[in-house]
Amino acid sequence: MRLTRIYQPAKLATHCKLELDQVSAHHLKNVLRFKNGDPFTVFNSIDGEFTALFWSDHKICYAVIGDFLAAPESYPVKFHLIQ
């Protein structure tokens, strides 16, 4: 099973419905071909990481946010950002 993580700048809270931005909605629905009820993870730098279920009514895509996931303290892979 693959892990899909989607960044959302909006306020995140447990057990609520969040309208996904156009880019994220397109990626989940058309590229990854998510169906209603497919699980993924939604996160941002303020509220943390949450489980979510994909939901679409053919025009608008939503994340039905579930439980809070504890974020790891550090990323396990070392990398360098070069500009």
N, C-alpha and C. Protein backbone atom coordinates (compact mmCIF):
# COMPACT_ATOMS: atom_id res chain seq x y z
N MET A 1 0.84 -1.18 0.00
CA MET A 1 0.00 0.00 0.00
C MET A 1 0.88 1.24 0.00
N ARG A 2 0.60 2.17 -0.91
CA ARG A 2 1.41 3.38 -0.98
C ARG A 2 0.86 4.45 -0.03
N LEU A 3 1.74 5.31 0.40
CA LEU A 3 1.36 6.40 1.29
C LEU A 3 1.29 7.68 0.46
N THR A 4 0.13 8.30 0.42
CA THR A 4 -0.05 9.55 -0.29
C THR A 4 -0.21 10.67 0.72
N ARG A 5 0.66 11.68 0.63
CA ARG A 5 0.61 12.82 1.53
C ARG A 5 0.34 14.07 0.71
N ILE A 6 -0.63 14.86 1.15
CA ILE A 6 -1.02 16.07 0.45
C ILE A 6 -0.90 17.26 1.39
N TYR A 7 -0.19 18.30 0.95
CA TYR A 7 -0.06 19.53 1.72
C TYR A 7 -1.28 20.41 1.49
N GLN A 8 -1.85 20.94 2.55
CA GLN A 8 -2.96 21.89 2.46
C GLN A 8 -2.68 23.06 3.41
N PRO A 9 -2.63 24.28 2.89
CA PRO A 9 -2.33 25.43 3.75
C PRO A 9 -3.48 25.83 4.68
N ALA A 10 -4.67 25.30 4.45
CA ALA A 10 -5.83 25.65 5.26
C ALA A 10 -5.72 25.08 6.67
N LYS A 11 -6.50 25.62 7.59
CA LYS A 11 -6.56 25.15 8.97
C LYS A 11 -7.07 23.71 8.99
N LEU A 12 -6.36 22.83 9.70
CA LEU A 12 -6.73 21.43 9.80
C LEU A 12 -7.20 21.12 11.22
N ALA A 13 -8.23 20.30 11.33
CA ALA A 13 -8.73 19.87 12.63
C ALA A 13 -9.33 18.49 12.47
N THR A 14 -9.36 17.73 13.54
CA THR A 14 -9.90 16.37 13.47
C THR A 14 -11.39 16.39 13.19
N HIS A 15 -11.83 15.39 12.46
CA HIS A 15 -13.25 15.11 12.19
C HIS A 15 -13.98 16.29 11.55
N CYS A 16 -13.39 16.85 10.48
CA CYS A 16 -14.06 17.90 9.73
C CYS A 16 -13.87 17.63 8.23
N LYS A 17 -14.58 18.40 7.40
CA LYS A 17 -14.49 18.25 5.96
C LYS A 17 -13.78 19.47 5.39
N LEU A 18 -12.75 19.23 4.58
CA LEU A 18 -11.93 20.30 4.02
C LEU A 18 -11.99 20.24 2.50
N GLU A 19 -12.35 21.35 1.86
CA GLU A 19 -12.34 21.41 0.40
C GLU A 19 -10.89 21.49 -0.07
N LEU A 20 -10.50 20.57 -0.95
CA LEU A 20 -9.12 20.53 -1.45
C LEU A 20 -8.90 21.60 -2.51
N ASP A 21 -7.68 22.13 -2.58
CA ASP A 21 -7.37 23.10 -3.63
C ASP A 21 -7.37 22.38 -4.98
N GLN A 22 -7.42 23.16 -6.07
CA GLN A 22 -7.55 22.59 -7.41
C GLN A 22 -6.42 21.65 -7.78
N VAL A 23 -5.20 22.02 -7.44
CA VAL A 23 -4.04 21.20 -7.80
C VAL A 23 -4.08 19.85 -7.09
N SER A 24 -4.33 19.87 -5.78
CA SER A 24 -4.40 18.62 -5.01
C SER A 24 -5.57 17.76 -5.46
N ALA A 25 -6.72 18.39 -5.70
CA ALA A 25 -7.90 17.66 -6.15
C ALA A 25 -7.63 16.97 -7.49
N HIS A 26 -7.03 17.70 -8.43
CA HIS A 26 -6.71 17.13 -9.74
C HIS A 26 -5.74 15.95 -9.60
N HIS A 27 -4.71 16.13 -8.78
CA HIS A 27 -3.71 15.07 -8.61
C HIS A 27 -4.34 13.80 -8.03
N LEU A 28 -5.14 13.95 -6.99
CA LEU A 28 -5.76 12.77 -6.38
C LEU A 28 -6.78 12.11 -7.30
N LYS A 29 -7.64 12.92 -7.91
CA LYS A 29 -8.74 12.38 -8.70
C LYS A 29 -8.32 11.87 -10.08
N ASN A 30 -7.50 12.65 -10.79
CA ASN A 30 -7.18 12.32 -12.18
C ASN A 30 -5.85 11.60 -12.37
N VAL A 31 -4.84 11.96 -11.57
CA VAL A 31 -3.53 11.33 -11.73
C VAL A 31 -3.47 10.01 -10.97
N LEU A 32 -3.81 10.06 -9.67
CA LEU A 32 -3.77 8.84 -8.85
C LEU A 32 -5.06 8.03 -8.92
N ARG A 33 -6.11 8.61 -9.52
CA ARG A 33 -7.41 7.96 -9.72
C ARG A 33 -8.04 7.48 -8.40
N PHE A 34 -8.02 8.37 -7.42
CA PHE A 34 -8.66 8.07 -6.14
C PHE A 34 -10.17 7.98 -6.34
N LYS A 35 -10.78 7.11 -5.59
CA LYS A 35 -12.24 6.95 -5.54
C LYS A 35 -12.71 7.39 -4.16
N ASN A 36 -14.01 7.64 -4.03
CA ASN A 36 -14.57 8.04 -2.74
C ASN A 36 -14.22 7.02 -1.66
N GLY A 37 -13.68 7.51 -0.55
CA GLY A 37 -13.32 6.65 0.56
C GLY A 37 -11.87 6.20 0.59
N ASP A 38 -11.09 6.53 -0.44
CA ASP A 38 -9.67 6.15 -0.45
C ASP A 38 -8.90 6.96 0.60
N PRO A 39 -8.03 6.30 1.37
CA PRO A 39 -7.30 7.00 2.44
C PRO A 39 -6.04 7.69 1.94
N PHE A 40 -5.70 8.79 2.59
CA PHE A 40 -4.44 9.49 2.36
C PHE A 40 -4.13 10.31 3.60
N THR A 41 -3.04 11.04 3.57
CA THR A 41 -2.64 11.88 4.69
C THR A 41 -2.60 13.32 4.24
N VAL A 42 -3.15 14.21 5.06
CA VAL A 42 -3.13 15.64 4.77
C VAL A 42 -2.33 16.32 5.88
N PHE A 43 -1.52 17.33 5.50
CA PHE A 43 -0.66 17.97 6.50
C PHE A 43 -0.41 19.43 6.15
N ASN A 44 0.05 20.18 7.15
CA ASN A 44 0.63 21.50 6.94
C ASN A 44 1.62 21.76 8.07
N SER A 45 2.35 22.85 7.98
CA SER A 45 3.42 23.10 8.94
C SER A 45 2.92 23.64 10.27
N ILE A 46 1.66 24.05 10.35
CA ILE A 46 1.12 24.61 11.58
C ILE A 46 0.37 23.58 12.41
N ASP A 47 -0.57 22.88 11.78
CA ASP A 47 -1.45 21.97 12.51
C ASP A 47 -0.95 20.53 12.58
N GLY A 48 0.00 20.16 11.74
CA GLY A 48 0.53 18.80 11.76
C GLY A 48 -0.03 17.93 10.66
N GLU A 49 -0.10 16.64 10.95
CA GLU A 49 -0.47 15.62 9.96
C GLU A 49 -1.69 14.85 10.44
N PHE A 50 -2.64 14.61 9.52
CA PHE A 50 -3.90 13.94 9.85
C PHE A 50 -4.22 12.87 8.83
N THR A 51 -4.91 11.83 9.26
CA THR A 51 -5.45 10.87 8.32
C THR A 51 -6.64 11.53 7.62
N ALA A 52 -6.93 11.10 6.40
CA ALA A 52 -8.05 11.67 5.67
C ALA A 52 -8.60 10.65 4.68
N LEU A 53 -9.85 10.86 4.30
CA LEU A 53 -10.49 10.07 3.26
C LEU A 53 -10.87 11.00 2.12
N PHE A 54 -10.67 10.55 0.89
CA PHE A 54 -11.01 11.33 -0.29
C PHE A 54 -12.50 11.25 -0.54
N TRP A 55 -13.10 12.40 -0.93
CA TRP A 55 -14.51 12.42 -1.29
C TRP A 55 -14.72 13.43 -2.40
N SER A 56 -15.45 13.03 -3.43
CA SER A 56 -15.70 13.90 -4.58
C SER A 56 -17.16 13.86 -4.95
N ASP A 57 -17.72 15.03 -5.28
CA ASP A 57 -19.10 15.07 -5.79
C ASP A 57 -19.09 15.50 -7.26
N HIS A 58 -18.08 15.11 -7.99
CA HIS A 58 -17.87 15.33 -9.43
C HIS A 58 -17.37 16.73 -9.76
N LYS A 59 -17.59 17.73 -8.91
CA LYS A 59 -17.07 19.07 -9.18
C LYS A 59 -16.10 19.52 -8.10
N ILE A 60 -16.40 19.21 -6.87
CA ILE A 60 -15.58 19.63 -5.74
C ILE A 60 -15.05 18.39 -5.02
N CYS A 61 -13.77 18.42 -4.67
CA CYS A 61 -13.15 17.31 -3.95
C CYS A 61 -12.88 17.73 -2.51
N TYR A 62 -13.11 16.81 -1.60
CA TYR A 62 -12.96 17.08 -0.18
C TYR A 62 -12.02 16.07 0.47
N ALA A 63 -11.45 16.49 1.60
CA ALA A 63 -10.74 15.59 2.49
C ALA A 63 -11.58 15.50 3.75
N VAL A 64 -12.05 14.31 4.07
CA VAL A 64 -12.76 14.10 5.33
C VAL A 64 -11.67 13.73 6.34
N ILE A 65 -11.34 14.68 7.20
CA ILE A 65 -10.19 14.53 8.08
C ILE A 65 -10.54 13.66 9.28
N GLY A 66 -9.64 12.74 9.57
CA GLY A 66 -9.82 11.81 10.68
C GLY A 66 -8.96 12.18 11.87
N ASP A 67 -8.12 11.26 12.27
CA ASP A 67 -7.34 11.42 13.49
C ASP A 67 -6.01 12.13 13.24
N PHE A 68 -5.50 12.77 14.29
CA PHE A 68 -4.19 13.42 14.26
C PHE A 68 -3.11 12.37 14.32
N LEU A 69 -2.08 12.54 13.50
CA LEU A 69 -0.92 11.65 13.53
C LEU A 69 0.26 12.42 14.11
N ALA A 70 0.99 11.79 14.98
CA ALA A 70 2.18 12.43 15.55
C ALA A 70 3.24 12.54 14.45
N ALA A 71 3.72 13.75 14.23
CA ALA A 71 4.74 13.97 13.21
C ALA A 71 6.10 13.49 13.72
N PRO A 72 6.92 12.91 12.86
CA PRO A 72 8.26 12.51 13.29
C PRO A 72 9.09 13.74 13.65
N GLU A 73 10.04 13.54 14.55
CA GLU A 73 10.87 14.67 15.00
C GLU A 73 11.80 15.17 13.91
N SER A 74 12.27 14.27 13.08
CA SER A 74 13.14 14.69 11.99
C SER A 74 12.92 13.77 10.79
N TYR A 75 13.24 14.27 9.64
CA TYR A 75 13.13 13.48 8.41
C TYR A 75 14.25 12.45 8.39
N PRO A 76 13.96 11.16 8.15
CA PRO A 76 14.98 10.12 8.25
C PRO A 76 16.06 10.14 7.16
N VAL A 77 15.82 10.87 6.08
CA VAL A 77 16.78 10.91 4.99
C VAL A 77 17.49 12.26 5.01
N LYS A 78 18.83 12.24 4.94
CA LYS A 78 19.58 13.48 4.90
C LYS A 78 19.63 13.97 3.46
N PHE A 79 19.43 15.27 3.29
CA PHE A 79 19.51 15.84 1.96
C PHE A 79 20.03 17.28 2.05
N HIS A 80 20.53 17.78 0.93
CA HIS A 80 21.03 19.15 0.84
C HIS A 80 20.25 19.88 -0.23
N LEU A 81 19.82 21.09 0.08
CA LEU A 81 19.11 21.91 -0.88
C LEU A 81 20.10 22.88 -1.50
N ILE A 82 20.27 22.80 -2.80
CA ILE A 82 21.22 23.65 -3.52
C ILE A 82 20.45 24.55 -4.45
N GLN A 83 20.75 25.83 -4.38
CA GLN A 83 20.06 26.78 -5.27
C GLN A 83 20.99 27.27 -6.34
